C-alpha cells in the first residue's frame, strides 16, 4: 500500500478560472523520500494542503480526484482521523 496515493487530482481555488492542480497523479511508498520543487505559483503548497487534508476541510474550491494518505481518504475523513493515523 502506498503511503500517499493521489489519482487524477484537480483543484481550483474559488473565484479563479484555472486550476492550481490539474490531473496530478502520484504514489509515494513507505520509506521513500520526495522533494516537491517548482516555480512560484506552480501548485507546490496546494499539493501539500491536499495531502495534509487542509483542502477541502479549510480551503473552499472545487476538488476532483482521489487523495489517500496511509489508506485513508483525505476528502471524506476528518482531520483528526488523518492525524491519528
PDB file of N, CA and C in Angstrom:
ATOM      1  N   UNK A   1       0.844  -1.180   0.000  1.00  0.00           N
ATOM      2  CA  UNK A   1       0.000   0.000   0.000  1.00  0.00           C
ATOM      3  C   UNK A   1       0.890   1.245   0.000  1.00  0.00           C
ATOM      4  N   UNK A   2       0.578   2.181  -0.862  1.00  0.00           N
ATOM      5  CA  UNK A   2       1.310   3.443  -0.920  1.00  0.00           C
ATOM      6  C   UNK A   2       0.962   4.295   0.291  1.00  0.00           C
ATOM      7  N   UNK A   3       1.938   5.022   0.826  1.00  0.00           N
ATOM      8  CA  UNK A   3       1.666   5.936   1.937  1.00  0.00           C
ATOM      9  C   UNK A   3       0.875   7.146   1.456  1.00  0.00           C
ATOM     10  N   UNK A   4       1.190   7.606   0.253  1.00  0.00           N
ATOM     11  CA  UNK A   4       0.429   8.689  -0.378  1.00  0.00           C
ATOM     12  C   UNK A   4       0.027   8.199  -1.758  1.00  0.00           C
ATOM     13  N   UNK A   5      -1.249   8.259  -2.044  1.00  0.00           N
ATOM     14  CA  UNK A   5      -1.767   7.826  -3.342  1.00  0.00           C
ATOM     15  C   UNK A   5      -2.719   8.901  -3.863  1.00  0.00           C
ATOM     16  N   UNK A   6      -2.274   9.599  -4.884  1.00  0.00           N
ATOM     17  CA  UNK A   6      -3.072  10.666  -5.493  1.00  0.00           C
ATOM     18  C   UNK A   6      -3.383  10.252  -6.919  1.00  0.00           C
ATOM     19  N   UNK A   7      -4.659  10.317  -7.284  1.00  0.00           N
ATOM     20  CA  UNK A   7      -5.065   9.928  -8.633  1.00  0.00           C
ATOM     21  C   UNK A   7      -5.949  10.999  -9.251  1.00  0.00           C
ATOM     22  N   UNK A   8      -5.511  11.498 -10.408  1.00  0.00           N
ATOM     23  CA  UNK A   8      -6.297  12.444 -11.220  1.00  0.00           C
ATOM     24  C   UNK A   8      -6.797  13.640 -10.408  1.00  0.00           C
ATOM     25  N   UNK A   9      -5.930  14.211  -9.591  1.00  0.00           N
ATOM     26  CA  UNK A   9      -6.300  15.326  -8.721  1.00  0.00           C
ATOM     27  C   UNK A   9      -6.335  16.639  -9.497  1.00  0.00           C
ATOM     28  N   UNK A  10      -7.464  17.312  -9.418  1.00  0.00           N
ATOM     29  CA  UNK A  10      -7.620  18.654  -9.980  1.00  0.00           C
ATOM     30  C   UNK A  10      -8.255  19.516  -8.903  1.00  0.00           C
ATOM     31  N   UNK A  11      -7.642  20.679  -8.647  1.00  0.00           N
ATOM     32  CA  UNK A  11      -8.179  21.589  -7.643  1.00  0.00           C
ATOM     33  C   UNK A  11      -8.156  23.010  -8.182  1.00  0.00           C
ATOM     34  N   UNK A  12      -9.288  23.700  -8.022  1.00  0.00           N
ATOM     35  CA  UNK A  12      -9.418  25.090  -8.443  1.00  0.00           C
ATOM     36  C   UNK A  12      -9.861  25.918  -7.247  1.00  0.00           C
ATOM     37  N   UNK A  13      -9.086  26.960  -6.943  1.00  0.00           N
ATOM     38  CA  UNK A  13      -9.458  27.877  -5.859  1.00  0.00           C
ATOM     39  C   UNK A  13     -10.703  28.659  -6.256  1.00  0.00           C
ATOM     40  N   UNK A  14     -11.478  29.128  -5.262  1.00  0.00           N
ATOM     41  CA  UNK A  14     -12.666  29.931  -5.571  1.00  0.00           C
ATOM     42  C   UNK A  14     -12.278  31.199  -6.335  1.00  0.00           C
ATOM     43  N   UNK A  15     -13.174  31.657  -7.172  1.00  0.00           N
ATOM     44  CA  UNK A  15     -13.017  32.905  -7.937  1.00  0.00           C
ATOM     45  C   UNK A  15     -11.834  32.869  -8.906  1.00  0.00           C
ATOM     46  N   UNK A  16     -11.402  31.672  -9.297  1.00  0.00           N
ATOM     47  CA  UNK A  16     -10.366  31.555 -10.332  1.00  0.00           C
ATOM     48  C   UNK A  16     -10.880  30.649 -11.440  1.00  0.00           C
ATOM     49  N   UNK A  17     -10.362  30.867 -12.627  1.00  0.00           N
ATOM     50  CA  UNK A  17     -10.775  30.058 -13.773  1.00  0.00           C
ATOM     51  C   UNK A  17      -9.841  28.877 -14.016  1.00  0.00           C
ATOM     52  N   UNK A  18      -8.555  29.051 -13.694  1.00  0.00           N
ATOM     53  CA  UNK A  18      -7.587  27.992 -13.971  1.00  0.00           C
ATOM     54  C   UNK A  18      -7.318  27.168 -12.721  1.00  0.00           C
ATOM     55  N   UNK A  19      -7.218  25.867 -12.883  1.00  0.00           N
ATOM     56  CA  UNK A  19      -6.923  25.023 -11.724  1.00  0.00           C
ATOM     57  C   UNK A  19      -5.489  25.232 -11.232  1.00  0.00           C
ATOM     58  N   UNK A  20      -5.310  25.188  -9.921  1.00  0.00           N
ATOM     59  CA  UNK A  20      -3.973  25.242  -9.331  1.00  0.00           C
ATOM     60  C   UNK A  20      -3.264  23.907  -9.544  1.00  0.00           C
ATOM     61  N   UNK A  21      -4.028  22.826  -9.547  1.00  0.00           N
ATOM     62  CA  UNK A  21      -3.532  21.480  -9.848  1.00  0.00           C
ATOM     63  C   UNK A  21      -4.449  20.879 -10.896  1.00  0.00           C
ATOM     64  N   UNK A  22      -3.865  20.218 -11.876  1.00  0.00           N
ATOM     65  CA  UNK A  22      -4.688  19.620 -12.932  1.00  0.00           C
ATOM     66  C   UNK A  22      -4.179  18.220 -13.262  1.00  0.00           C
ATOM     67  N   UNK A  23      -5.045  17.239 -13.046  1.00  0.00           N
ATOM     68  CA  UNK A  23      -4.772  15.838 -13.393  1.00  0.00           C
ATOM     69  C   UNK A  23      -3.454  15.321 -12.805  1.00  0.00           C
ATOM     70  N   UNK A  24      -3.219  15.611 -11.525  1.00  0.00           N
ATOM     71  CA  UNK A  24      -1.995  15.173 -10.853  1.00  0.00           C
ATOM     72  C   UNK A  24      -2.195  13.763 -10.318  1.00  0.00           C
ATOM     73  N   UNK A  25      -1.248  12.891 -10.614  1.00  0.00           N
ATOM     74  CA  UNK A  25      -1.237  11.538 -10.058  1.00  0.00           C
ATOM     75  C   UNK A  25       0.146  11.285  -9.473  1.00  0.00           C
ATOM     76  N   UNK A  26       0.187  10.675  -8.290  1.00  0.00           N
ATOM     77  CA  UNK A  26       1.449  10.484  -7.579  1.00  0.00           C
ATOM     78  C   UNK A  26       1.284   9.354  -6.583  1.00  0.00           C
ATOM     79  N   UNK A  27       2.297   8.498  -6.489  1.00  0.00           N
ATOM     80  CA  UNK A  27       2.327   7.464  -5.451  1.00  0.00           C
ATOM     81  C   UNK A  27       3.658   7.575  -4.730  1.00  0.00           C
ATOM     82  N   UNK A  28       3.593   7.574  -3.412  1.00  0.00           N
ATOM     83  CA  UNK A  28       4.794   7.585  -2.585  1.00  0.00           C
ATOM     84  C   UNK A  28       4.707   6.375  -1.668  1.00  0.00           C
ATOM     85  N   UNK A  29       5.663   5.487  -1.806  1.00  0.00           N
ATOM     86  CA  UNK A  29       5.681   4.270  -0.997  1.00  0.00           C
ATOM     87  C   UNK A  29       6.347   4.543   0.349  1.00  0.00           C
ATOM     88  N   UNK A  30       6.038   3.718   1.324  1.00  0.00           N
ATOM     89  CA  UNK A  30       6.640   3.854   2.647  1.00  0.00           C
ATOM     90  C   UNK A  30       8.160   3.823   2.522  1.00  0.00           C
ATOM     91  N   UNK A  31       8.832   4.755   3.184  1.00  0.00           N
ATOM     92  CA  UNK A  31      10.291   4.817   3.167  1.00  0.00           C
ATOM     93  C   UNK A  31      10.875   5.663   2.053  1.00  0.00           C
ATOM     94  N   UNK A  32      10.072   6.057   1.089  1.00  0.00           N
ATOM     95  CA  UNK A  32      10.570   6.903   0.001  1.00  0.00           C
ATOM     96  C   UNK A  32      10.696   8.347   0.473  1.00  0.00           C
ATOM     97  N   UNK A  33      11.642   9.054  -0.116  1.00  0.00           N
ATOM     98  CA  UNK A  33      11.858  10.475   0.148  1.00  0.00           C
ATOM     99  C   UNK A  33      11.461  11.243  -1.098  1.00  0.00           C
ATOM    100  N   UNK A  34      10.652  12.283  -0.922  1.00  0.00           N
ATOM    101  CA  UNK A  34      10.156  13.051  -2.060  1.00  0.00           C
ATOM    102  C   UNK A  34      10.398  14.531  -1.810  1.00  0.00           C
ATOM    103  N   UNK A  35      10.876  15.233  -2.824  1.00  0.00           N
ATOM    104  CA  UNK A  35      11.007  16.692  -2.773  1.00  0.00           C
ATOM    105  C   UNK A  35      10.020  17.278  -3.775  1.00  0.00           C
ATOM    106  N   UNK A  36       9.265  18.265  -3.334  1.00  0.00           N
ATOM    107  CA  UNK A  36       8.315  18.940  -4.221  1.00  0.00           C
ATOM    108  C   UNK A  36       8.920  20.291  -4.563  1.00  0.00           C
ATOM    109  N   UNK A  37       9.336  20.446  -5.814  1.00  0.00           N
ATOM    110  CA  UNK A  37      10.002  21.674  -6.238  1.00  0.00           C
ATOM    111  C   UNK A  37       9.303  22.245  -7.461  1.00  0.00           C
ATOM    112  N   UNK A  38       9.464  23.535  -7.661  1.00  0.00           N
ATOM    113  CA  UNK A  38       8.872  24.176  -8.826  1.00  0.00           C
ATOM    114  C   UNK A  38       8.855  25.680  -8.659  1.00  0.00           C
ATOM    115  N   UNK A  39       8.445  26.352  -9.694  1.00  0.00           N
ATOM    116  CA  UNK A  39       8.394  27.813  -9.703  1.00  0.00           C
ATOM    117  C   UNK A  39       7.274  28.320  -8.794  1.00  0.00           C
ATOM    118  N   UNK A  40       7.342  29.609  -8.468  1.00  0.00           N
ATOM    119  CA  UNK A  40       6.252  30.241  -7.716  1.00  0.00           C
ATOM    120  C   UNK A  40       4.942  30.051  -8.468  1.00  0.00           C
ATOM    121  N   UNK A  41       3.901  29.691  -7.733  1.00  0.00           N
ATOM    122  CA  UNK A  41       2.588  29.524  -8.343  1.00  0.00           C
ATOM    123  C   UNK A  41       2.394  28.210  -9.075  1.00  0.00           C
ATOM    124  N   UNK A  42       3.340  27.281  -8.932  1.00  0.00           N
ATOM    125  CA  UNK A  42       3.245  26.006  -9.650  1.00  0.00           C
ATOM    126  C   UNK A  42       2.302  25.007  -8.984  1.00  0.00           C
ATOM    127  N   UNK A  43       1.917  25.261  -7.716  1.00  0.00           N
ATOM    128  CA  UNK A  43       0.992  24.359  -7.035  1.00  0.00           C
ATOM    129  C   UNK A  43       1.609  23.523  -5.931  1.00  0.00           C
ATOM    130  N   UNK A  44       2.849  23.818  -5.554  1.00  0.00           N
ATOM    131  CA  UNK A  44       3.523  23.034  -4.515  1.00  0.00           C
ATOM    132  C   UNK A  44       2.762  23.067  -3.189  1.00  0.00           C
ATOM    133  N   UNK A  45       2.425  24.255  -2.729  1.00  0.00           N
ATOM    134  CA  UNK A  45       1.699  24.382  -1.454  1.00  0.00           C
ATOM    135  C   UNK A  45       0.315  23.763  -1.557  1.00  0.00           C
ATOM    136  N   UNK A  46      -0.342  23.965  -2.669  1.00  0.00           N
ATOM    137  CA  UNK A  46      -1.675  23.392  -2.869  1.00  0.00           C
ATOM    138  C   UNK A  46      -1.613  21.870  -2.793  1.00  0.00           C
ATOM    139  N   UNK A  47      -0.604  21.270  -3.398  1.00  0.00           N
ATOM    140  CA  UNK A  47      -0.433  19.819  -3.330  1.00  0.00           C
ATOM    141  C   UNK A  47      -0.245  19.375  -1.880  1.00  0.00           C
ATOM    142  N   UNK A  48       0.588  20.085  -1.141  1.00  0.00           N
ATOM    143  CA  UNK A  48       0.803  19.744   0.272  1.00  0.00           C
ATOM    144  C   UNK A  48      -0.472  19.919   1.089  1.00  0.00           C
ATOM    145  N   UNK A  49      -1.247  20.957   0.798  1.00  0.00           N
ATOM    146  CA  UNK A  49      -2.517  21.170   1.504  1.00  0.00           C
ATOM    147  C   UNK A  49      -3.488  20.017   1.261  1.00  0.00           C
ATOM    148  N   UNK A  50      -3.495  19.463   0.055  1.00  0.00           N
ATOM    149  CA  UNK A  50      -4.402  18.341  -0.216  1.00  0.00           C
ATOM    150  C   UNK A  50      -3.931  17.079   0.501  1.00  0.00           C
ATOM    151  N   UNK A  51      -2.626  16.868   0.551  1.00  0.00           N
ATOM    152  CA  UNK A  51      -2.093  15.694   1.241  1.00  0.00           C
ATOM    153  C   UNK A  51      -2.389  15.784   2.737  1.00  0.00           C
ATOM    154  N   UNK A  52      -2.241  16.971   3.305  1.00  0.00           N
ATOM    155  CA  UNK A  52      -2.478  17.168   4.741  1.00  0.00           C
ATOM    156  C   UNK A  52      -3.959  17.178   5.096  1.00  0.00           C
ATOM    157  N   UNK A  53      -4.824  17.315   4.096  1.00  0.00           N
ATOM    158  CA  UNK A  53      -6.261  17.348   4.345  1.00  0.00           C
ATOM    159  C   UNK A  53      -6.814  18.745   4.561  1.00  0.00           C
ATOM    160  N   UNK A  54      -5.958  19.770   4.488  1.00  0.00           N
ATOM    161  CA  UNK A  54      -6.448  21.148   4.642  1.00  0.00           C
ATOM    162  C   UNK A  54      -7.407  21.505   3.515  1.00  0.00           C
ATOM    163  N   UNK A  55      -7.131  20.986   2.330  1.00  0.00           N
ATOM    164  CA  UNK A  55      -8.085  21.059   1.224  1.00  0.00           C
ATOM    165  C   UNK A  55      -8.740  19.684   1.193  1.00  0.00           C
ATOM    166  N   UNK A  56      -9.996  19.562   1.383  1.00  0.00           N
ATOM    167  CA  UNK A  56     -11.075  20.538   1.306  1.00  0.00           C
ATOM    168  C   UNK A  56     -11.581  21.052   2.651  1.00  0.00           C
ATOM    169  N   UNK A  57     -10.956  20.665   3.788  1.00  0.00           N
ATOM    170  CA  UNK A  57     -11.521  20.989   5.095  1.00  0.00           C
ATOM    171  C   UNK A  57     -11.421  22.463   5.482  1.00  0.00           C
ATOM    172  N   UNK A  58     -10.351  23.165   5.086  1.00  0.00           N
ATOM    173  CA  UNK A  58     -10.176  24.567   5.456  1.00  0.00           C
ATOM    174  C   UNK A  58     -10.172  25.517   4.272  1.00  0.00           C
ATOM    175  N   UNK A  59      -9.993  25.008   3.078  1.00  0.00           N
ATOM    176  CA  UNK A  59      -9.960  25.836   1.877  1.00  0.00           C
ATOM    177  C   UNK A  59     -11.149  25.467   0.999  1.00  0.00           C
ATOM    178  N   UNK A  60     -11.896  26.459   0.581  1.00  0.00           N
ATOM    179  CA  UNK A  60     -13.008  26.217  -0.344  1.00  0.00           C
ATOM    180  C   UNK A  60     -12.434  26.008  -1.740  1.00  0.00           C
ATOM    181  N   UNK A  61     -13.272  25.642  -2.656  1.00  0.00           N
ATOM    182  CA  UNK A  61     -12.841  25.433  -4.033  1.00  0.00           C
ATOM    183  C   UNK A  61     -13.443  24.155  -4.574  1.00  0.00           C
ATOM    184  N   UNK A  62     -13.000  23.791  -5.759  1.00  0.00           N
ATOM    185  CA  UNK A  62     -13.502  22.594  -6.420  1.00  0.00           C
ATOM    186  C   UNK A  62     -12.395  21.553  -6.466  1.00  0.00           C
ATOM    187  N   UNK A  63     -12.654  20.408  -5.867  1.00  0.00           N
ATOM    188  CA  UNK A  63     -11.675  19.331  -5.789  1.00  0.00           C
ATOM    189  C   UNK A  63     -12.240  18.093  -6.459  1.00  0.00           C
ATOM    190  N   UNK A  64     -11.482  17.548  -7.391  1.00  0.00           N
ATOM    191  CA  UNK A  64     -11.842  16.291  -8.054  1.00  0.00           C
ATOM    192  C   UNK A  64     -10.634  15.370  -8.014  1.00  0.00           C
ATOM    193  N   UNK A  65     -10.898  14.085  -7.977  1.00  0.00           N
ATOM    194  CA  UNK A  65      -9.824  13.106  -7.925  1.00  0.00           C
ATOM    195  C   UNK A  65      -9.787  12.433  -6.567  1.00  0.00           C
ATOM    196  N   UNK A  66      -8.725  11.664  -6.333  1.00  0.00           N
ATOM    197  CA  UNK A  66      -8.610  10.877  -5.107  1.00  0.00           C
ATOM    198  C   UNK A  66      -7.297  11.196  -4.411  1.00  0.00           C
ATOM    199  N   UNK A  67      -7.369  11.422  -3.095  1.00  0.00           N
ATOM    200  CA  UNK A  67      -6.175  11.620  -2.276  1.00  0.00           C
ATOM    201  C   UNK A  67      -6.290  10.691  -1.075  1.00  0.00           C
ATOM    202  N   UNK A  68      -5.366   9.737  -0.976  1.00  0.00           N
ATOM    203  CA  UNK A  68      -5.334   8.835   0.172  1.00  0.00           C
ATOM    204  C   UNK A  68      -3.982   8.941   0.850  1.00  0.00           C
ATOM    205  N   UNK A  69      -4.012   9.001   2.175  1.00  0.00           N
ATOM    206  CA  UNK A  69      -2.795   9.021   2.976  1.00  0.00           C
ATOM    207  C   UNK A  69      -2.877   7.844   3.935  1.00  0.00           C
ATOM    208  N   UNK A  70      -1.934   6.921   3.824  1.00  0.00           N
ATOM    209  CA  UNK A  70      -1.924   5.697   4.638  1.00  0.00           C
ATOM    210  C   UNK A  70      -3.252   4.955   4.528  1.00  0.00           C
ATOM    211  N   UNK A  71      -3.824   4.957   3.326  1.00  0.00           N
ATOM    212  CA  UNK A  71      -5.067   4.240   3.073  1.00  0.00           C
ATOM    213  C   UNK A  71      -6.327   4.977   3.482  1.00  0.00           C
ATOM    214  N   UNK A  72      -6.190   6.204   3.980  1.00  0.00           N
ATOM    215  CA  UNK A  72      -7.349   6.986   4.426  1.00  0.00           C
ATOM    216  C   UNK A  72      -7.645   8.069   3.398  1.00  0.00           C
ATOM    217  N   UNK A  73      -8.887   8.151   2.984  1.00  0.00           N
ATOM    218  CA  UNK A  73      -9.330   9.157   2.016  1.00  0.00           C
ATOM    219  C   UNK A  73      -9.378  10.516   2.701  1.00  0.00           C
ATOM    220  N   UNK A  74      -8.494  11.434   2.312  1.00  0.00           N
ATOM    221  CA  UNK A  74      -8.400  12.726   2.999  1.00  0.00           C
ATOM    222  C   UNK A  74      -9.602  13.627   2.744  1.00  0.00           C
ATOM    223  N   UNK A  75     -10.339  13.380   1.679  1.00  0.00           N
ATOM    224  CA  UNK A  75     -11.513  14.201   1.383  1.00  0.00           C
ATOM    225  C   UNK A  75     -12.706  13.834   2.247  1.00  0.00           C
ATOM    226  N   UNK A  76     -12.822  12.565   2.591  1.00  0.00           N
ATOM    227  CA  UNK A  76     -14.010  12.088   3.291  1.00  0.00           C
ATOM    228  C   UNK A  76     -13.722  11.666   4.727  1.00  0.00           C
ATOM    229  N   UNK A  77     -12.564  12.039   5.246  1.00  0.00           N
ATOM    230  CA  UNK A  77     -12.210  11.758   6.631  1.00  0.00           C
ATOM    231  C   UNK A  77     -12.019  13.082   7.356  1.00  0.00           C
ATOM    232  N   UNK A  78     -12.104  13.038   8.663  1.00  0.00           N
ATOM    233  CA  UNK A  78     -11.842  14.251   9.436  1.00  0.00           C
ATOM    234  C   UNK A  78     -10.337  14.448   9.566  1.00  0.00           C
ATOM    235  N   UNK A  79      -9.927  15.672   9.888  1.00  0.00           N
ATOM    236  CA  UNK A  79      -8.508  15.924  10.123  1.00  0.00           C
ATOM    237  C   UNK A  79      -8.010  15.103  11.304  1.00  0.00           C
ATOM    238  N   UNK A  80      -8.851  14.904  12.299  1.00  0.00           N
ATOM    239  CA  UNK A  80      -8.470  14.093  13.450  1.00  0.00           C
ATOM    240  C   UNK A  80      -8.126  12.667  13.017  1.00  0.00           C
ATOM    241  N   UNK A  81      -8.926  12.085  12.138  1.00  0.00           N
ATOM    242  CA  UNK A  81      -8.642  10.730  11.642  1.00  0.00           C
ATOM    243  C   UNK A  81      -7.318  10.695  10.892  1.00  0.00           C
ATOM    244  N   UNK A  82      -7.046  11.725  10.108  1.00  0.00           N
ATOM    245  CA  UNK A  82      -5.793  11.774   9.362  1.00  0.00           C
ATOM    246  C   UNK A  82      -4.597  11.890  10.301  1.00  0.00           C
ATOM    247  N   UNK A  83      -4.714  12.739  11.319  1.00  0.00           N
ATOM    248  CA  UNK A  83      -3.610  12.955  12.257  1.00  0.00           C
ATOM    249  C   UNK A  83      -3.336  11.705  13.085  1.00  0.00           C
ATOM    250  N   UNK A  84      -4.378  11.024  13.505  1.00  0.00           N
ATOM    251  CA  UNK A  84      -4.203   9.853  14.357  1.00  0.00           C
ATOM    252  C   UNK A  84      -3.634   8.656  13.611  1.00  0.00           C
ATOM    253  N   UNK A  85      -3.694   8.682  12.300  1.00  0.00           N
ATOM    254  CA  UNK A  85      -3.157   7.571  11.527  1.00  0.00           C
ATOM    255  C   UNK A  85      -1.905   7.995  10.841  1.00  0.00           C
TER     256      UNK A  85
END
